[in-house]
Each structure stands twice: as structure tokens, then as C-alpha cells.
Amino acid sequence: MPKAKGKTRRQKFGYNVNRKRLNRNARRKAAPRIECSHIRHAWDHGKSVRQNLAEMGLAMDPNKAVPLRKRKVKAMEVDLEKPQELVRKPYVLNDLEAEASLPEKKGNTLSRDLIDYVRYMVENHGEDYKAMARDEKNYYQDTPKQIRNKINVYKRFYPVEWQAFTQSLQNTMEVE
């Protein structure tokens, strides 16, 4: 496809561009971004990956960090101990351990529609799954087994709420 007339201009050298800064920024952008903030803040760009991780007390290769014992030990062989590298940034390891010891957040929940659906079905039909399948609120035409599975999922996700819900249902049954 032809180019627009007058748009092809020869490149001119930019004398006012700081080439050192340009190359440094290009090198930084080309390097992968470290996701872990603790490691990213302690990272020294002048050192290699292995040196950086060794200073933090981390290992680049887990197979070399914890070597397997050889099964056959020769009588003449003497294990030569490698000098352990000095951990200069132990705070990184401590921060990582503290973050790993925090309880995991419960990220997955059920939709509000599903919760209301299960509560409605159990309130009106109790354990009668066939009646639930015939109910007019069964918009997606779930089979009795599918409804039972949805109720079991609700029980598994919200055991405390399920106990309170069944208790309130029993209390209303006793009053009537």
C-alpha cells in the first residue's frame, strides 16, 4: 500500500537525548518485573540473580540448595563442606515467612441468587427434592439431584449459616 505523500522523512540524529539514561531505562524495562514486593525492594540490579537470592537467604536452584544424599558411601571419600554464603538481607526471608504464615483469605463465595434459591427451596419443601424440582421458582429446571448438590454446596461453603438456618426452621416448626 502506498504511503501518504510527504510523510517519509529521513531520520535525524537527536543530539539532545541522554543516551546513557535511555539505555539504562531500556534495560530496566526489558528485565522482568519481580512480583514479590519484598524481593523487589531488596533487589540489587548490579548483581546477578544467584548473588541476589543468596544474599536474601533464598536458593536459585532447589536441587543444589538441598542436595540428595548418595546411597553408596565410599570409605575413602570425605564430604567436603561448601562454605555457606552469608545472608546479608535476612529481613526478606523473615517477611516472606510472616506473609506465608498468615491465614488464607476465603476468596470463593456463592452467588446471592444461589443462596436465596437454596434457602427458598429448603424453607418451602424441606428435604423433598422432587417437589423442589417441580417448584415454579426452579427457573433453570434443575433435576432433584442437581438441587440436592446445590444444597450440599451451600452447606459446605456456609456451615455456620446453615446451622443457624436449620435451627430457625425447627423453631418455626415447633411454634406451629
Protein backbone atom coordinates (compact mmCIF):
# COMPACT_ATOMS: atom_id res chain seq x y z
CA MET A 1 0.00 0.00 0.00
CA PRO A 2 1.48 3.41 -0.92
CA LYS A 3 2.41 5.86 1.83
CA ALA A 4 0.96 9.35 2.10
CA LYS A 5 2.93 11.96 0.22
CA GLY A 6 5.32 13.95 2.36
CA LYS A 7 5.29 11.52 5.30
CA THR A 8 8.63 9.82 4.57
CA ARG A 9 11.35 11.92 6.14
CA ARG A 10 14.89 10.82 6.77
CA GLN A 11 15.92 10.16 10.37
CA LYS A 12 17.96 12.90 12.02
CA PHE A 13 20.28 12.27 14.95
CA GLY A 14 18.96 13.58 18.26
CA TYR A 15 21.87 15.39 19.90
CA ASN A 16 19.91 16.43 22.96
CA VAL A 17 18.98 12.87 24.03
CA ASN A 18 20.81 11.39 27.00
CA ARG A 19 21.88 8.02 25.59
CA LYS A 20 23.11 6.65 28.91
CA ARG A 21 19.73 7.23 30.57
CA LEU A 22 17.91 5.91 27.51
CA ASN A 23 19.89 2.65 27.53
CA ARG A 24 19.50 2.23 31.29
CA ASN A 25 15.72 2.67 31.09
CA ALA A 26 15.51 0.27 28.16
CA ARG A 27 17.48 -2.34 30.12
CA ARG A 28 15.20 -1.88 33.17
CA LYS A 29 12.06 -2.24 31.06
CA ALA A 30 13.43 -5.32 29.32
CA ALA A 31 14.13 -7.02 32.66
CA PRO A 32 11.14 -8.95 34.03
CA ARG A 33 9.16 -7.32 36.84
CA ILE A 34 9.54 -9.09 40.17
CA GLU A 35 6.03 -9.67 41.55
CA CYS A 36 7.03 -10.20 45.18
CA SER A 37 7.42 -6.75 46.75
CA HIS A 38 9.80 -7.94 49.49
CA ILE A 39 12.26 -9.35 46.97
CA ARG A 40 11.79 -6.43 44.56
CA HIS A 41 12.73 -3.82 47.18
CA ALA A 42 15.83 -5.72 48.30
CA TRP A 43 17.00 -6.45 44.75
CA ASP A 44 20.38 -5.07 43.62
CA HIS A 45 20.42 -4.58 39.84
CA GLY A 46 24.21 -4.59 39.79
CA LYS A 47 24.38 -8.22 40.96
CA SER A 48 23.37 -11.46 39.33
CA VAL A 49 20.23 -13.37 40.16
CA ARG A 50 22.16 -16.03 42.07
CA GLN A 51 24.02 -13.43 44.16
CA ASN A 52 20.85 -11.51 44.96
CA LEU A 53 18.95 -14.60 46.08
CA ALA A 54 21.93 -15.87 48.10
CA GLU A 55 22.10 -12.55 49.98
CA MET A 56 18.42 -12.89 50.84
CA GLY A 57 18.85 -16.47 52.04
CA LEU A 58 16.92 -17.91 49.10
CA ALA A 59 18.04 -20.51 46.60
CA MET A 60 18.00 -20.24 42.83
CA ASP A 61 18.21 -23.99 42.31
CA PRO A 62 16.47 -26.10 44.97
CA ASN A 63 18.34 -29.21 43.88
CA LYS A 64 21.66 -27.62 44.77
CA ALA A 65 20.34 -25.98 47.94
CA VAL A 66 19.24 -29.29 49.46
CA PRO A 67 21.34 -31.99 47.80
CA LEU A 68 20.21 -35.61 47.89
CA ARG A 69 22.36 -38.00 49.89
CA LYS A 70 24.15 -40.56 47.80
CA ARG A 71 23.28 -44.12 48.71
CA LYS A 72 26.71 -45.59 48.22
CA VAL A 73 29.27 -44.02 50.50
CA LYS A 74 32.84 -44.95 49.82
CA ALA A 75 35.18 -45.41 52.75
CA MET A 76 37.87 -43.15 51.30
CA GLU A 77 35.50 -40.38 50.29
CA VAL A 78 35.37 -37.39 52.60
CA ASP A 79 32.49 -34.96 52.27
CA LEU A 80 33.83 -31.53 51.58
CA GLU A 81 31.60 -28.89 53.11
CA LYS A 82 31.00 -25.86 50.91
CA PRO A 83 31.22 -22.61 52.80
CA GLN A 84 27.72 -21.33 53.41
CA GLU A 85 27.09 -17.98 51.76
CA LEU A 86 26.43 -15.14 54.15
CA VAL A 87 22.82 -13.99 54.40
CA ARG A 88 23.08 -10.22 54.31
CA LYS A 89 19.37 -9.48 53.99
CA PRO A 90 17.59 -11.78 56.48
CA TYR A 91 14.64 -9.38 56.76
CA VAL A 92 13.45 -10.52 53.31
CA LEU A 93 13.26 -14.13 54.47
CA ASN A 94 11.51 -13.09 57.70
CA ASP A 95 8.94 -11.03 55.77
CA LEU A 96 8.26 -13.91 53.38
CA GLU A 97 7.79 -16.35 56.28
CA ALA A 98 5.46 -13.94 58.07
CA GLU A 99 3.39 -13.46 54.92
CA ALA A 100 3.20 -17.21 54.32
CA SER A 101 2.04 -17.87 57.89
CA LEU A 102 -0.98 -15.56 57.54
CA PRO A 103 -4.30 -17.39 57.18
CA GLU A 104 -5.51 -17.73 53.62
CA LYS A 105 -8.38 -15.49 52.58
CA LYS A 106 -11.54 -17.26 51.52
CA GLY A 107 -11.90 -15.86 48.01
CA ASN A 108 -14.63 -18.02 46.54
CA THR A 109 -18.22 -17.47 47.55
CA LEU A 110 -21.61 -18.43 46.18
CA SER A 111 -23.79 -16.00 44.27
CA ARG A 112 -26.57 -14.22 46.09
CA ASP A 113 -29.11 -15.79 43.70
CA LEU A 114 -27.97 -19.32 44.55
CA ILE A 115 -28.09 -18.63 48.27
CA ASP A 116 -31.63 -17.24 48.03
CA TYR A 117 -32.67 -20.15 45.79
CA VAL A 118 -31.41 -22.79 48.26
CA ARG A 119 -32.96 -21.05 51.25
CA TYR A 120 -36.33 -20.71 49.48
CA MET A 121 -36.36 -24.37 48.43
CA VAL A 122 -35.45 -25.67 51.89
CA GLU A 123 -37.96 -23.36 53.61
CA ASN A 124 -40.83 -24.48 51.41
CA HIS A 125 -40.01 -28.14 50.74
CA GLY A 126 -37.59 -29.34 53.44
CA GLU A 127 -35.88 -32.50 52.12
CA ASP A 128 -38.36 -33.24 49.30
CA TYR A 129 -36.14 -32.78 46.24
CA LYS A 130 -38.80 -33.96 43.77
CA ALA A 131 -41.15 -31.23 44.96
CA MET A 132 -38.30 -28.72 44.64
CA ALA A 133 -37.79 -29.82 41.02
CA ARG A 134 -41.48 -29.16 40.30
CA ASP A 135 -41.46 -25.78 42.04
CA GLU A 136 -42.20 -22.71 39.91
CA LYS A 137 -39.06 -20.95 41.18
CA ASN A 138 -36.91 -23.69 39.64
CA TYR A 139 -36.18 -21.45 36.65
CA TYR A 140 -33.27 -23.48 35.31
CA GLN A 141 -35.27 -26.73 35.53
CA ASP A 142 -32.76 -28.41 37.81
CA THR A 143 -33.27 -32.10 38.45
CA PRO A 144 -33.71 -33.32 42.04
CA LYS A 145 -30.07 -34.46 42.15
CA GLN A 146 -28.84 -31.09 40.88
CA ILE A 147 -30.87 -29.30 43.55
CA ARG A 148 -29.51 -31.67 46.21
CA ASN A 149 -25.96 -30.93 45.02
CA LYS A 150 -26.59 -27.17 45.17
CA ILE A 151 -27.85 -27.52 48.73
CA ASN A 152 -24.78 -29.60 49.64
CA VAL A 153 -22.52 -26.92 48.12
CA TYR A 154 -24.27 -24.30 50.25
CA LYS A 155 -23.79 -26.48 53.35
CA ARG A 156 -20.09 -26.86 52.55
CA PHE A 157 -19.48 -23.14 51.92
CA TYR A 158 -21.51 -21.76 54.81
CA PRO A 159 -21.70 -24.39 57.58
CA VAL A 160 -22.37 -21.85 60.37
CA GLU A 161 -25.14 -20.11 58.43
CA TRP A 162 -26.64 -23.48 57.52
CA GLN A 163 -26.80 -24.49 61.20
CA ALA A 164 -28.46 -21.21 62.14
CA PHE A 165 -30.90 -21.55 59.22
CA THR A 166 -31.93 -25.12 60.13
CA GLN A 167 -32.30 -24.09 63.79
CA SER A 168 -34.62 -21.23 62.82
CA LEU A 169 -36.66 -23.62 60.65
CA GLN A 170 -37.01 -26.07 63.56
CA ASN A 171 -38.04 -23.26 65.88
CA THR A 172 -40.78 -22.16 63.48
CA MET A 173 -41.97 -25.77 63.16
CA GLU A 174 -42.23 -26.12 66.97
CA VAL A 175 -44.21 -22.88 67.27
CA GLU A 176 -46.78 -24.04 64.72
